[in-house]
Amino acid sequence: MSPPAGGPVVALCLGTACAVARARTVGAVGEAVRSTRGAVLVTAGCLGPCGLAAVAAVAHRRGEDGCSGPTVWLSGVQDAERAAALAAWVREGGPGPSGEPDAGLPATLVPAEATIGPPMRIGPAGG
């Protein structure tokens, strides 16, 4: 049996500041995740950078252990053009395993890049 496929992991903020814009973002990105082998969508309460709402954190997730690499934080993903670019990037595989999560970032998302952060902590609740 082969290990599960790795792929992009996208965390979307569902906090108060991001709530107004989440429908467009979750819809576009959610559909991209559903149609991309190995992709994972995580929704979370407030991720913290409310002044940048709506935010998404994107990283490469390894298939063998499910751990992610460094994370690129994107701001203003409620914008239709940015949401579409994020969805397209996810369909193309998102960040690669190189450890540079913004490598290959679509030009539309370059102005949205807020920061590079540590790997996401992915796992069962309480884990």
N, C-alpha and C. Protein backbone atom coordinates (compact mmCIF):
# COMPACT_ATOMS: atom_id res chain seq x y z
N MET A 1 0.85 -1.18 0.00
CA MET A 1 0.00 0.00 0.00
C MET A 1 0.89 1.24 0.00
N SER A 2 0.60 2.18 -0.87
CA SER A 2 1.39 3.40 -0.95
C SER A 2 0.93 4.41 0.10
N PRO A 3 1.85 5.30 0.52
CA PRO A 3 1.46 6.31 1.52
C PRO A 3 0.44 7.26 0.92
N PRO A 4 -0.35 7.90 1.78
CA PRO A 4 -1.33 8.86 1.27
C PRO A 4 -0.62 10.01 0.55
N ALA A 5 -1.34 10.63 -0.36
CA ALA A 5 -0.77 11.74 -1.13
C ALA A 5 -0.59 12.96 -0.25
N GLY A 6 0.52 13.64 -0.45
CA GLY A 6 0.71 14.94 0.18
C GLY A 6 0.06 15.99 -0.71
N GLY A 7 0.06 17.21 -0.25
CA GLY A 7 -0.52 18.28 -1.05
C GLY A 7 -0.68 19.52 -0.22
N PRO A 8 -1.39 20.49 -0.76
CA PRO A 8 -1.56 21.73 -0.03
C PRO A 8 -2.51 21.58 1.15
N VAL A 9 -2.20 22.27 2.22
CA VAL A 9 -3.12 22.39 3.34
C VAL A 9 -3.40 23.88 3.46
N VAL A 10 -4.69 24.20 3.53
CA VAL A 10 -5.14 25.59 3.59
C VAL A 10 -5.94 25.76 4.87
N ALA A 11 -5.55 26.72 5.70
CA ALA A 11 -6.31 27.05 6.90
C ALA A 11 -7.00 28.39 6.65
N LEU A 12 -8.30 28.39 6.78
CA LEU A 12 -9.08 29.62 6.61
C LEU A 12 -9.62 30.05 7.96
N CYS A 13 -9.46 31.33 8.25
CA CYS A 13 -9.94 31.90 9.49
C CYS A 13 -11.46 32.08 9.43
N LEU A 14 -12.12 31.67 10.50
CA LEU A 14 -13.56 31.88 10.60
C LEU A 14 -13.89 32.80 11.76
N GLY A 15 -12.90 33.58 12.19
CA GLY A 15 -13.10 34.54 13.28
C GLY A 15 -14.00 35.68 12.85
N THR A 16 -14.34 36.53 13.79
CA THR A 16 -15.29 37.61 13.56
C THR A 16 -14.88 38.54 12.43
N ALA A 17 -13.63 38.99 12.41
CA ALA A 17 -13.19 39.94 11.38
C ALA A 17 -13.22 39.30 9.99
N CYS A 18 -13.02 38.01 9.92
CA CYS A 18 -13.00 37.31 8.63
C CYS A 18 -14.38 36.79 8.23
N ALA A 19 -15.32 36.77 9.17
CA ALA A 19 -16.62 36.16 8.94
C ALA A 19 -17.38 36.79 7.78
N VAL A 20 -17.28 38.09 7.63
CA VAL A 20 -18.02 38.78 6.58
C VAL A 20 -17.63 38.25 5.21
N ALA A 21 -16.40 37.89 5.04
CA ALA A 21 -15.89 37.51 3.73
C ALA A 21 -15.76 36.02 3.52
N ARG A 22 -16.03 35.21 4.51
CA ARG A 22 -15.69 33.80 4.41
C ARG A 22 -16.48 33.02 3.36
N ALA A 23 -17.71 33.38 3.07
CA ALA A 23 -18.51 32.59 2.13
C ALA A 23 -17.84 32.47 0.77
N ARG A 24 -17.38 33.57 0.21
CA ARG A 24 -16.73 33.53 -1.11
C ARG A 24 -15.44 32.72 -1.04
N THR A 25 -14.65 32.96 -0.01
CA THR A 25 -13.36 32.30 0.11
C THR A 25 -13.53 30.81 0.35
N VAL A 26 -14.37 30.44 1.31
CA VAL A 26 -14.57 29.03 1.63
C VAL A 26 -15.15 28.31 0.41
N GLY A 27 -16.08 28.94 -0.29
CA GLY A 27 -16.66 28.30 -1.47
C GLY A 27 -15.65 28.02 -2.55
N ALA A 28 -14.89 29.01 -2.94
CA ALA A 28 -13.91 28.86 -4.02
C ALA A 28 -12.79 27.92 -3.63
N VAL A 29 -12.23 28.12 -2.44
CA VAL A 29 -11.11 27.29 -2.00
C VAL A 29 -11.58 25.89 -1.65
N GLY A 30 -12.75 25.79 -1.04
CA GLY A 30 -13.29 24.46 -0.70
C GLY A 30 -13.48 23.59 -1.93
N GLU A 31 -14.00 24.16 -2.99
CA GLU A 31 -14.17 23.40 -4.24
C GLU A 31 -12.82 22.98 -4.80
N ALA A 32 -11.83 23.85 -4.74
CA ALA A 32 -10.49 23.52 -5.23
C ALA A 32 -9.88 22.38 -4.41
N VAL A 33 -10.06 22.43 -3.10
CA VAL A 33 -9.53 21.37 -2.24
C VAL A 33 -10.22 20.04 -2.55
N ARG A 34 -11.54 20.07 -2.70
CA ARG A 34 -12.27 18.83 -3.00
C ARG A 34 -11.81 18.19 -4.31
N SER A 35 -11.37 19.00 -5.26
CA SER A 35 -10.99 18.46 -6.57
C SER A 35 -9.48 18.23 -6.71
N THR A 36 -8.71 18.39 -5.63
CA THR A 36 -7.26 18.25 -5.69
C THR A 36 -6.81 17.11 -4.80
N ARG A 37 -6.18 16.12 -5.41
CA ARG A 37 -5.69 14.96 -4.67
C ARG A 37 -4.69 15.40 -3.60
N GLY A 38 -4.91 14.96 -2.37
CA GLY A 38 -4.01 15.25 -1.28
C GLY A 38 -4.21 16.58 -0.59
N ALA A 39 -5.11 17.41 -1.09
CA ALA A 39 -5.34 18.73 -0.49
C ALA A 39 -6.23 18.61 0.74
N VAL A 40 -6.00 19.50 1.70
CA VAL A 40 -6.77 19.51 2.94
C VAL A 40 -7.18 20.94 3.26
N LEU A 41 -8.43 21.12 3.65
CA LEU A 41 -8.93 22.43 4.09
C LEU A 41 -9.20 22.35 5.58
N VAL A 42 -8.65 23.31 6.31
CA VAL A 42 -8.87 23.40 7.75
C VAL A 42 -9.54 24.74 8.00
N THR A 43 -10.62 24.72 8.76
CA THR A 43 -11.21 25.98 9.18
C THR A 43 -10.95 26.11 10.66
N ALA A 44 -10.73 27.32 11.09
CA ALA A 44 -10.36 27.54 12.49
C ALA A 44 -11.02 28.80 12.99
N GLY A 45 -11.13 28.89 14.29
CA GLY A 45 -11.58 30.13 14.90
C GLY A 45 -10.55 31.19 14.57
N CYS A 46 -10.59 32.29 15.24
CA CYS A 46 -9.70 33.41 14.94
C CYS A 46 -8.24 32.97 14.90
N LEU A 47 -7.58 33.25 13.78
CA LEU A 47 -6.16 32.93 13.62
C LEU A 47 -5.26 34.07 14.10
N GLY A 48 -5.85 35.22 14.43
CA GLY A 48 -5.08 36.28 15.05
C GLY A 48 -4.88 37.57 14.29
N PRO A 49 -4.46 37.55 13.03
CA PRO A 49 -4.16 38.84 12.37
C PRO A 49 -5.42 39.51 11.81
N CYS A 50 -6.29 39.96 12.71
CA CYS A 50 -7.58 40.51 12.31
C CYS A 50 -7.48 41.71 11.38
N GLY A 51 -6.43 42.49 11.49
CA GLY A 51 -6.25 43.65 10.64
C GLY A 51 -6.00 43.28 9.19
N LEU A 52 -5.72 42.02 8.92
CA LEU A 52 -5.44 41.56 7.56
C LEU A 52 -6.60 40.75 6.98
N ALA A 53 -7.73 40.75 7.66
CA ALA A 53 -8.84 39.89 7.28
C ALA A 53 -9.26 40.10 5.83
N ALA A 54 -9.70 39.06 5.24
CA ALA A 54 -9.75 37.67 5.66
C ALA A 54 -8.40 37.02 5.34
N VAL A 55 -7.98 36.13 6.22
CA VAL A 55 -6.66 35.51 6.06
C VAL A 55 -6.76 34.03 5.78
N ALA A 56 -5.71 33.55 5.12
CA ALA A 56 -5.54 32.12 4.87
C ALA A 56 -4.08 31.80 5.11
N ALA A 57 -3.83 30.64 5.68
CA ALA A 57 -2.47 30.14 5.84
C ALA A 57 -2.36 28.93 4.93
N VAL A 58 -1.28 28.85 4.15
CA VAL A 58 -1.14 27.79 3.16
C VAL A 58 0.25 27.16 3.31
N ALA A 59 0.30 25.84 3.27
CA ALA A 59 1.56 25.12 3.39
C ALA A 59 1.50 23.83 2.59
N HIS A 60 2.65 23.20 2.41
CA HIS A 60 2.70 21.87 1.81
C HIS A 60 2.59 20.85 2.94
N ARG A 61 1.74 19.85 2.75
CA ARG A 61 1.56 18.78 3.73
C ARG A 61 2.15 17.51 3.16
N ARG A 62 3.06 16.91 3.92
CA ARG A 62 3.67 15.65 3.48
C ARG A 62 2.66 14.52 3.61
N GLY A 63 2.66 13.62 2.66
CA GLY A 63 1.72 12.51 2.69
C GLY A 63 2.07 11.46 3.71
N GLU A 64 3.36 11.19 3.88
CA GLU A 64 3.75 10.08 4.75
C GLU A 64 3.42 10.29 6.22
N ASP A 65 3.50 11.51 6.71
CA ASP A 65 3.20 11.74 8.12
C ASP A 65 2.16 12.83 8.35
N GLY A 66 1.71 13.50 7.30
CA GLY A 66 0.69 14.53 7.42
C GLY A 66 1.17 15.85 7.99
N CYS A 67 2.47 15.97 8.29
CA CYS A 67 3.00 17.22 8.84
C CYS A 67 3.16 18.25 7.72
N SER A 68 3.08 19.52 8.10
CA SER A 68 3.22 20.57 7.10
C SER A 68 4.60 21.18 7.17
N GLY A 69 4.94 21.85 6.07
CA GLY A 69 6.15 22.65 6.04
C GLY A 69 5.81 24.06 6.48
N PRO A 70 6.74 25.00 6.30
CA PRO A 70 6.48 26.39 6.65
C PRO A 70 5.22 26.91 5.95
N THR A 71 4.63 27.92 6.55
CA THR A 71 3.33 28.44 6.12
C THR A 71 3.47 29.84 5.54
N VAL A 72 2.80 30.07 4.41
CA VAL A 72 2.68 31.43 3.89
C VAL A 72 1.31 31.95 4.30
N TRP A 73 1.30 33.14 4.91
CA TRP A 73 0.06 33.79 5.33
C TRP A 73 -0.35 34.78 4.27
N LEU A 74 -1.60 34.68 3.84
CA LEU A 74 -2.13 35.55 2.80
C LEU A 74 -3.26 36.40 3.38
N SER A 75 -3.26 37.66 3.02
CA SER A 75 -4.29 38.58 3.52
C SER A 75 -5.28 38.92 2.42
N GLY A 76 -6.43 39.40 2.84
CA GLY A 76 -7.43 39.90 1.88
C GLY A 76 -7.94 38.86 0.91
N VAL A 77 -7.99 37.59 1.34
CA VAL A 77 -8.42 36.54 0.41
C VAL A 77 -9.92 36.55 0.14
N GLN A 78 -10.64 37.50 0.75
CA GLN A 78 -12.06 37.66 0.41
C GLN A 78 -12.24 38.34 -0.94
N ASP A 79 -11.20 39.02 -1.41
CA ASP A 79 -11.23 39.65 -2.73
C ASP A 79 -11.43 38.55 -3.78
N ALA A 80 -12.37 38.73 -4.68
CA ALA A 80 -12.71 37.69 -5.67
C ALA A 80 -11.50 37.24 -6.47
N GLU A 81 -10.66 38.19 -6.89
CA GLU A 81 -9.49 37.83 -7.69
C GLU A 81 -8.49 37.02 -6.87
N ARG A 82 -8.29 37.41 -5.61
CA ARG A 82 -7.37 36.65 -4.75
C ARG A 82 -7.94 35.27 -4.41
N ALA A 83 -9.23 35.19 -4.14
CA ALA A 83 -9.85 33.89 -3.84
C ALA A 83 -9.72 32.96 -5.04
N ALA A 84 -9.94 33.49 -6.24
CA ALA A 84 -9.81 32.66 -7.45
C ALA A 84 -8.36 32.23 -7.66
N ALA A 85 -7.40 33.14 -7.40
CA ALA A 85 -5.99 32.80 -7.56
C ALA A 85 -5.57 31.75 -6.54
N LEU A 86 -6.06 31.88 -5.30
CA LEU A 86 -5.75 30.88 -4.27
C LEU A 86 -6.32 29.52 -4.67
N ALA A 87 -7.56 29.51 -5.14
CA ALA A 87 -8.18 28.25 -5.58
C ALA A 87 -7.40 27.63 -6.74
N ALA A 88 -6.97 28.43 -7.69
CA ALA A 88 -6.19 27.92 -8.83
C ALA A 88 -4.85 27.37 -8.35
N TRP A 89 -4.20 28.06 -7.42
CA TRP A 89 -2.91 27.60 -6.90
C TRP A 89 -3.07 26.26 -6.18
N VAL A 90 -4.14 26.11 -5.42
CA VAL A 90 -4.41 24.84 -4.74
C VAL A 90 -4.58 23.73 -5.78
N ARG A 91 -5.36 24.00 -6.84
CA ARG A 91 -5.56 22.98 -7.90
C ARG A 91 -4.25 22.58 -8.56
N GLU A 92 -3.30 23.54 -8.64
CA GLU A 92 -1.99 23.26 -9.24
C GLU A 92 -1.04 22.58 -8.26
N GLY A 93 -1.47 22.39 -7.02
CA GLY A 93 -0.64 21.71 -6.03
C GLY A 93 -0.14 22.61 -4.92
N GLY A 94 -0.36 23.93 -5.02
CA GLY A 94 0.04 24.84 -3.96
C GLY A 94 1.53 24.83 -3.72
N PRO A 95 1.95 25.15 -2.50
CA PRO A 95 3.38 25.16 -2.19
C PRO A 95 3.97 23.76 -2.36
N GLY A 96 5.14 23.71 -2.88
CA GLY A 96 5.82 22.43 -3.03
C GLY A 96 6.58 22.05 -1.77
N PRO A 97 7.21 20.91 -1.78
CA PRO A 97 7.92 20.42 -0.60
C PRO A 97 9.28 21.08 -0.38
N SER A 98 9.61 22.11 -1.13
CA SER A 98 10.93 22.74 -1.05
C SER A 98 11.22 23.41 0.28
N GLY A 99 10.21 23.67 1.08
CA GLY A 99 10.41 24.40 2.33
C GLY A 99 10.23 25.89 2.16
N GLU A 100 9.99 26.34 0.94
CA GLU A 100 9.71 27.75 0.67
C GLU A 100 8.25 27.86 0.24
N PRO A 101 7.36 28.15 1.19
CA PRO A 101 5.93 28.08 0.90
C PRO A 101 5.45 29.11 -0.11
N ASP A 102 6.24 30.16 -0.35
CA ASP A 102 5.81 31.16 -1.32
C ASP A 102 6.44 30.95 -2.69
N ALA A 103 7.22 29.89 -2.86
CA ALA A 103 7.77 29.58 -4.17
C ALA A 103 6.61 29.21 -5.09
N GLY A 104 6.53 29.84 -6.23
CA GLY A 104 5.45 29.56 -7.17
C GLY A 104 4.16 30.28 -6.85
N LEU A 105 4.20 31.20 -5.91
CA LEU A 105 3.00 31.96 -5.56
C LEU A 105 2.52 32.73 -6.78
N PRO A 106 1.25 32.58 -7.16
CA PRO A 106 0.75 33.32 -8.33
C PRO A 106 0.92 34.83 -8.14
N ALA A 107 1.15 35.52 -9.23
CA ALA A 107 1.39 36.97 -9.19
C ALA A 107 0.26 37.72 -8.49
N THR A 108 -0.97 37.27 -8.66
CA THR A 108 -2.12 37.92 -8.02
C THR A 108 -2.02 37.86 -6.51
N LEU A 109 -1.36 36.81 -5.98
CA LEU A 109 -1.27 36.65 -4.53
C LEU A 109 -0.02 37.26 -3.92
N VAL A 110 0.94 37.67 -4.74
CA VAL A 110 2.17 38.26 -4.20
C VAL A 110 1.87 39.46 -3.29
N PRO A 111 1.00 40.40 -3.69
CA PRO A 111 0.71 41.52 -2.78
C PRO A 111 -0.05 41.09 -1.52
N ALA A 112 -0.63 39.90 -1.53
CA ALA A 112 -1.39 39.40 -0.38
C ALA A 112 -0.49 38.73 0.65
N GLU A 113 0.76 38.43 0.28
CA GLU A 113 1.65 37.73 1.21
C GLU A 113 1.95 38.62 2.40
N ALA A 114 1.54 38.15 3.59
CA ALA A 114 1.73 38.92 4.81
C ALA A 114 3.01 38.51 5.52
N THR A 115 3.28 37.21 5.59
CA THR A 115 4.46 36.70 6.28
C THR A 115 4.64 35.22 5.99
N ILE A 116 5.80 34.72 6.36
CA ILE A 116 6.08 33.28 6.35
C ILE A 116 6.13 32.86 7.81
N GLY A 117 5.42 31.80 8.14
CA GLY A 117 5.37 31.35 9.52
C GLY A 117 5.82 29.91 9.67
N PRO A 118 5.83 29.42 10.88
CA PRO A 118 6.23 28.04 11.14
C PRO A 118 5.20 27.05 10.58
N PRO A 119 5.57 25.78 10.55
CA PRO A 119 4.62 24.76 10.08
C PRO A 119 3.33 24.79 10.92
N MET A 120 2.24 24.38 10.27
CA MET A 120 0.97 24.27 10.98
C MET A 120 1.03 23.06 11.90
N ARG A 121 0.33 23.17 12.99
CA ARG A 121 0.16 22.00 13.87
C ARG A 121 -1.14 21.33 13.45
N ILE A 122 -1.00 20.19 12.81
CA ILE A 122 -2.17 19.49 12.30
C ILE A 122 -2.31 18.19 13.09
N GLY A 123 -3.47 17.93 13.54
CA GLY A 123 -3.68 16.68 14.26
C GLY A 123 -5.03 16.68 14.93
N PRO A 124 -5.34 15.57 15.58
CA PRO A 124 -6.62 15.50 16.26
C PRO A 124 -6.69 16.48 17.41
N ALA A 125 -7.90 16.90 17.74
CA ALA A 125 -8.10 17.83 18.85
C ALA A 125 -7.47 17.25 20.10
N GLY A 126 -6.75 18.10 20.82
CA GLY A 126 -6.09 17.66 22.04
C GLY A 126 -4.81 16.93 21.78
N GLY A 127 -4.39 16.80 20.47
CA GLY A 127 -3.22 16.01 20.12
C GLY A 127 -2.00 16.78 19.95
